[in-house]
């Protein structure tokens, strides 16, 4: 039994499909299927039930999952320990953030860092899901909520102000409460975010015409005149065709947190990048 086969088993168990698992670990579906069959032959049991909706763990697979996760924890812990001893400013750093934050806030940091440390390769992964630092899905994560994982070193990087925006030429009365107004906001899965609830409270009679978890898409729809949108100020201020509205009350901002696993605290390239991010963005 090989670790790579267990890694594939874990990816399928977590994704529920071969396609999702292949995307997660960067292998082809045929390879994933072949390695899974090899693993099942080695253990002598079917680990998944193949259904029309995806792969479901069998009883044997559930037992295997607990052991595989413990093995994964040991392997990744060893990798982090070895990686954390690397004092050179060379090698790879995987960074995760939201899409707009990566583009508008982090790329200037990365550009300066790459000029100063050309031996370091930066991978930026923009995704709405929360990447696991313990599983080495990313080395450093920027996000708008504190980390609750064990063994994570974290700090508040900055406070991000938000603003209410409209396309240039749009008129909005302060006391309108949203009558006749359209909104561009987050999709229903993110309906509990502070800026969404603020928008519903301040403009209760407005109606939503577009929802997305992509802030860049919201900004573009707002600039096209589709509706009003609450956006992070750096994004809204940088988007052509938008103007900032003042309804007498600003939407709530968010704190931005950065975290990494404590095993990487001595990794020189990670520390150097974090120091530059704090210098350029920290408040």
Protein backbone atom coordinates (compact mmCIF):
# COMPACT_ATOMS: atom_id res chain seq x y z
CA UNK A 1 0.00 0.00 0.00
CA UNK A 2 1.50 3.32 -1.10
CA UNK A 3 0.96 6.81 0.33
CA UNK A 4 0.04 8.14 -3.12
CA UNK A 5 -2.83 5.65 -3.29
CA UNK A 6 -4.05 6.73 0.14
CA UNK A 7 -3.80 10.35 -0.98
CA UNK A 8 -6.03 9.55 -3.95
CA UNK A 9 -8.46 7.70 -1.69
CA UNK A 10 -8.69 10.75 0.59
CA UNK A 11 -9.24 13.10 -2.33
CA UNK A 12 -12.13 10.97 -3.65
CA UNK A 13 -13.66 10.64 -0.18
CA UNK A 14 -13.60 14.42 0.25
CA UNK A 15 -14.70 15.41 -3.25
CA UNK A 16 -17.25 12.64 -3.81
CA UNK A 17 -16.39 12.36 -7.51
CA UNK A 18 -13.39 11.39 -9.59
CA UNK A 19 -13.54 14.71 -11.43
CA UNK A 20 -13.50 16.73 -8.22
CA UNK A 21 -10.73 14.62 -6.73
CA UNK A 22 -8.63 14.84 -9.90
CA UNK A 23 -8.93 18.63 -9.87
CA UNK A 24 -8.01 18.75 -6.19
CA UNK A 25 -4.70 16.91 -6.54
CA UNK A 26 -3.85 17.57 -10.19
CA UNK A 27 -4.18 14.07 -11.70
CA UNK A 28 -6.33 12.70 -14.52
CA UNK A 29 -9.58 10.85 -13.87
CA UNK A 30 -8.34 7.60 -15.52
CA UNK A 31 -5.26 7.64 -13.27
CA UNK A 32 -7.41 8.23 -10.22
CA UNK A 33 -9.75 5.38 -11.12
CA UNK A 34 -6.87 3.01 -11.83
CA UNK A 35 -5.07 3.78 -8.56
CA UNK A 36 -8.32 3.39 -6.60
CA UNK A 37 -8.90 -0.05 -8.12
CA UNK A 38 -5.32 -1.01 -7.20
CA UNK A 39 -5.88 0.11 -3.60
CA UNK A 40 -9.18 -1.77 -3.34
CA UNK A 41 -7.50 -4.90 -4.67
CA UNK A 42 -4.70 -4.51 -2.11
CA UNK A 43 -7.11 -4.24 0.84
CA UNK A 44 -9.51 -6.83 -0.56
CA UNK A 45 -12.64 -4.72 -0.19
CA UNK A 46 -14.61 -2.11 -2.09
CA UNK A 47 -13.97 1.25 -0.43
CA UNK A 48 -16.68 3.16 -2.27
CA UNK A 49 -20.14 2.50 -3.55
CA UNK A 50 -20.43 3.92 -7.07
CA UNK A 51 -23.74 5.79 -7.40
CA UNK A 52 -25.27 8.13 -9.98
CA UNK A 53 -24.48 11.03 -7.64
CA UNK A 54 -20.87 10.10 -6.97
CA UNK A 55 -18.70 7.95 -4.71
CA UNK A 56 -20.07 7.02 -1.27
CA UNK A 57 -17.86 5.36 1.35
CA UNK A 58 -18.66 1.77 2.20
CA UNK A 59 -18.33 0.52 5.78
CA UNK A 60 -14.81 -0.66 4.92
CA UNK A 61 -14.07 2.71 3.34
CA UNK A 62 -15.19 4.53 6.48
CA UNK A 63 -12.76 2.47 8.55
CA UNK A 64 -10.02 3.16 6.00
CA UNK A 65 -10.75 6.89 6.10
CA UNK A 66 -9.94 7.26 9.78
CA UNK A 67 -6.59 5.48 9.38
CA UNK A 68 -5.74 7.32 6.14
CA UNK A 69 -6.35 10.70 7.77
CA UNK A 70 -4.00 9.82 10.64
CA UNK A 71 -1.34 8.75 8.14
CA UNK A 72 -1.91 11.96 6.18
CA UNK A 73 -1.46 14.02 9.33
CA UNK A 74 1.90 12.37 10.02
CA UNK A 75 3.13 12.71 6.42
CA UNK A 76 2.12 16.35 6.14
CA UNK A 77 3.57 17.08 9.55
CA UNK A 78 6.91 15.67 8.40
CA UNK A 79 6.72 17.71 5.19
CA UNK A 80 6.02 20.88 7.17
CA UNK A 81 8.89 20.19 9.57
CA UNK A 82 11.34 19.63 6.72
CA UNK A 83 10.04 22.61 4.76
CA UNK A 84 10.15 24.83 7.82
CA UNK A 85 13.88 24.30 8.17
CA UNK A 86 14.56 25.74 4.71
CA UNK A 87 16.31 29.05 5.36
CA UNK A 88 16.89 29.97 1.70
CA UNK A 89 14.86 32.51 -0.26
CA UNK A 90 14.13 30.00 -2.98
CA UNK A 91 11.31 27.57 -3.61
CA UNK A 92 7.53 27.61 -3.80
CA UNK A 93 4.92 29.42 -1.69
CA UNK A 94 1.21 28.69 -2.18
CA UNK A 95 -1.04 31.60 -1.25
CA UNK A 96 -4.83 31.46 -1.02
CA UNK A 97 -7.24 34.41 -0.96
CA UNK A 98 -10.53 35.57 -2.39
CA UNK A 99 -10.50 36.48 -6.07
CA UNK A 100 -10.72 40.27 -5.83
CA UNK A 101 -8.30 40.49 -2.88
CA UNK A 102 -5.72 38.47 -4.75
CA UNK A 103 -5.97 40.67 -7.83
CA UNK A 104 -6.31 44.12 -6.30
CA UNK A 105 -4.43 43.80 -3.01
CA UNK A 106 -1.91 40.98 -3.23
CA UNK A 107 -0.53 41.19 -6.77
CA UNK A 108 1.27 44.52 -6.04
CA UNK A 109 2.86 42.80 -3.02
CA UNK A 110 3.82 39.79 -5.12
CA UNK A 111 5.30 41.99 -7.85
CA UNK A 112 7.56 43.79 -5.40
CA UNK A 113 8.48 40.53 -3.70
CA UNK A 114 9.35 38.81 -7.00
CA UNK A 115 11.64 41.69 -8.00
CA UNK A 116 13.48 41.38 -4.70
CA UNK A 117 13.46 37.57 -4.46
CA UNK A 118 13.35 36.11 -8.01
CA UNK A 119 14.24 32.65 -6.73
CA UNK A 120 10.86 32.26 -5.03
CA UNK A 121 7.88 30.99 -7.02
CA UNK A 122 4.49 32.24 -5.82
CA UNK A 123 1.30 30.34 -6.60
CA UNK A 124 -1.91 32.30 -5.97
CA UNK A 125 -5.07 30.20 -5.57
CA UNK A 126 -8.26 32.26 -5.53
CA UNK A 127 -11.26 30.33 -4.29
CA UNK A 128 -14.33 30.92 -2.14
CA UNK A 129 -13.73 27.77 -0.10
CA UNK A 130 -11.51 27.83 2.97
CA UNK A 131 -8.24 26.05 2.27
CA UNK A 132 -6.68 23.90 4.99
CA UNK A 133 -3.26 24.97 6.20
CA UNK A 134 -2.80 21.73 8.12
CA UNK A 135 -3.25 19.68 4.95
CA UNK A 136 -0.84 21.92 3.01
CA UNK A 137 -3.56 22.99 0.58
CA UNK A 138 -1.91 26.40 1.00
CA UNK A 139 1.10 27.73 2.89
CA UNK A 140 -0.44 31.10 3.73
CA UNK A 141 -4.09 32.17 3.63
CA UNK A 142 -5.64 35.64 3.60
CA UNK A 143 -9.30 35.77 4.59
CA UNK A 144 -11.97 37.85 6.36
CA UNK A 145 -12.47 35.65 9.41
CA UNK A 146 -10.07 34.44 12.11
CA UNK A 147 -8.70 30.90 11.92
CA UNK A 148 -10.03 28.23 14.26
CA UNK A 149 -7.72 25.42 13.14
CA UNK A 150 -5.22 24.11 15.67
CA UNK A 151 -1.54 25.05 15.31
CA UNK A 152 -2.19 28.11 13.11
CA UNK A 153 -0.18 31.28 13.58
CA UNK A 154 -2.40 34.22 12.65
CA UNK A 155 -2.63 37.98 12.85
CA UNK A 156 -5.02 40.69 11.78
CA UNK A 157 -3.47 42.25 8.69
CA UNK A 158 -5.79 45.20 8.12
CA UNK A 159 -9.28 46.57 8.35
CA UNK A 160 -11.04 46.68 4.98
CA UNK A 161 -13.58 49.51 4.55
CA UNK A 162 -16.64 48.85 2.37
CA UNK A 163 -18.78 51.33 0.46
CA UNK A 164 -22.09 51.51 -1.41
CA UNK A 165 -21.61 52.07 -5.13
CA UNK A 166 -23.72 52.90 -8.15
CA UNK A 167 -23.04 53.50 -11.82
CA UNK A 168 -22.14 57.10 -12.59
CA UNK A 169 -25.27 59.11 -13.29
CA UNK A 170 -27.45 57.07 -10.93
CA UNK A 171 -29.44 59.15 -8.45
CA UNK A 172 -30.40 57.74 -5.07
CA UNK A 173 -32.28 59.74 -2.44
CA UNK A 174 -31.06 59.30 1.13
CA UNK A 175 -34.49 58.46 2.48
CA UNK A 176 -35.71 56.31 -0.41
CA UNK A 177 -35.45 53.00 1.54
CA UNK A 178 -34.87 51.37 -1.82
CA UNK A 179 -38.18 51.93 -3.61
CA UNK A 180 -37.60 51.27 -7.28
CA UNK A 181 -33.93 50.41 -6.76
CA UNK A 182 -32.16 47.24 -7.89
CA UNK A 183 -29.35 45.55 -5.98
CA UNK A 184 -26.26 43.60 -6.97
CA UNK A 185 -25.13 41.53 -4.01
CA UNK A 186 -23.80 38.18 -2.79
CA UNK A 187 -25.52 34.94 -3.76
CA UNK A 188 -27.92 33.30 -1.32
CA UNK A 189 -25.22 31.07 0.21
CA UNK A 190 -23.56 34.20 1.60
CA UNK A 191 -26.75 36.01 2.64
CA UNK A 192 -25.60 36.34 6.24
CA UNK A 193 -22.54 38.48 5.54
CA UNK A 194 -22.54 41.85 7.34
CA UNK A 195 -22.62 43.93 4.15
CA UNK A 196 -25.59 41.93 2.81
CA UNK A 197 -27.65 42.34 5.98
CA UNK A 198 -26.71 46.05 6.09
CA UNK A 199 -27.95 46.51 2.53
CA UNK A 200 -31.24 44.79 3.37
CA UNK A 201 -31.69 46.99 6.43
CA UNK A 202 -30.82 50.33 4.79
CA UNK A 203 -32.70 49.63 1.53
CA UNK A 204 -35.45 47.22 2.60
CA UNK A 205 -37.70 47.90 -0.39
CA UNK A 206 -35.04 47.37 -3.06
CA UNK A 207 -35.01 44.10 -5.02
CA UNK A 208 -32.03 41.93 -5.91
CA UNK A 209 -31.41 41.44 -9.62
CA UNK A 210 -27.98 39.81 -9.52
CA UNK A 211 -26.15 37.71 -6.95
CA UNK A 212 -22.64 36.27 -7.04
CA UNK A 213 -19.87 35.28 -4.65
CA UNK A 214 -17.45 36.99 -7.05
CA UNK A 215 -16.90 40.62 -6.02
CA UNK A 216 -15.35 41.49 -9.38
CA UNK A 217 -18.52 40.33 -11.13
CA UNK A 218 -20.60 42.44 -8.75
CA UNK A 219 -18.48 45.51 -9.50
CA UNK A 220 -18.82 45.06 -13.25
CA UNK A 221 -22.59 44.57 -13.06
CA UNK A 222 -22.88 47.66 -10.87
CA UNK A 223 -20.80 49.71 -13.33
CA UNK A 224 -23.09 48.52 -16.13
CA UNK A 225 -26.00 50.14 -14.31
CA UNK A 226 -27.69 46.90 -13.24
CA UNK A 227 -27.98 47.84 -9.58
CA UNK A 228 -26.35 49.21 -6.45
CA UNK A 229 -23.60 47.15 -4.82
CA UNK A 230 -21.69 47.13 -1.55
CA UNK A 231 -18.03 46.57 -2.43
CA UNK A 232 -14.66 46.66 -0.69
CA UNK A 233 -13.40 50.23 -1.14
CA UNK A 234 -10.16 49.28 -2.97
CA UNK A 235 -12.21 47.36 -5.55
CA UNK A 236 -15.03 49.87 -5.90
CA UNK A 237 -12.71 52.88 -6.10
CA UNK A 238 -10.61 51.18 -8.79
CA UNK A 239 -13.54 50.11 -11.00
CA UNK A 240 -14.23 52.54 -13.86
CA UNK A 241 -17.76 53.87 -14.08
CA UNK A 242 -18.60 53.61 -10.37
CA UNK A 243 -19.34 56.33 -7.87
CA UNK A 244 -19.45 56.08 -4.09
CA UNK A 245 -22.84 56.83 -2.52
CA UNK A 246 -23.46 58.44 0.85
CA UNK A 247 -26.73 57.43 2.48
CA UNK A 248 -25.67 58.82 5.84
CA UNK A 249 -24.30 55.49 7.08
CA UNK A 250 -21.38 53.50 5.72
CA UNK A 251 -21.66 49.71 5.37
CA UNK A 252 -19.64 47.66 7.88
CA UNK A 253 -16.07 46.87 6.95
CA UNK A 254 -14.25 43.60 7.56
CA UNK A 255 -10.98 42.66 9.20
CA UNK A 256 -8.53 40.75 7.00
CA UNK A 257 -6.59 37.95 8.67
CA UNK A 258 -3.49 36.12 7.49
CA UNK A 259 -2.43 32.73 8.80
CA UNK A 260 0.05 29.92 8.30
CA UNK A 261 0.88 26.65 10.05
CA UNK A 262 3.26 26.99 12.96
CA UNK A 263 5.60 24.38 11.45
CA UNK A 264 6.43 26.94 8.73
CA UNK A 265 7.26 29.79 11.10
CA UNK A 266 11.00 29.45 10.35
CA UNK A 267 10.53 29.27 6.58
CA UNK A 268 12.51 32.28 5.38
CA UNK A 269 10.62 32.89 2.14
CA UNK A 270 7.25 32.77 3.91
CA UNK A 271 8.43 35.18 6.61
CA UNK A 272 9.85 37.56 4.01
CA UNK A 273 6.59 37.59 2.04
CA UNK A 274 4.52 38.09 5.18
CA UNK A 275 6.75 40.98 6.26
CA UNK A 276 6.29 42.66 2.88
CA UNK A 277 2.50 42.17 2.98
CA UNK A 278 2.39 43.74 6.44
CA UNK A 279 4.57 46.66 5.29
CA UNK A 280 2.43 47.34 2.23
CA UNK A 281 -1.05 46.50 3.49
CA UNK A 282 -0.96 46.38 7.26
CA UNK A 283 -2.88 48.88 9.36
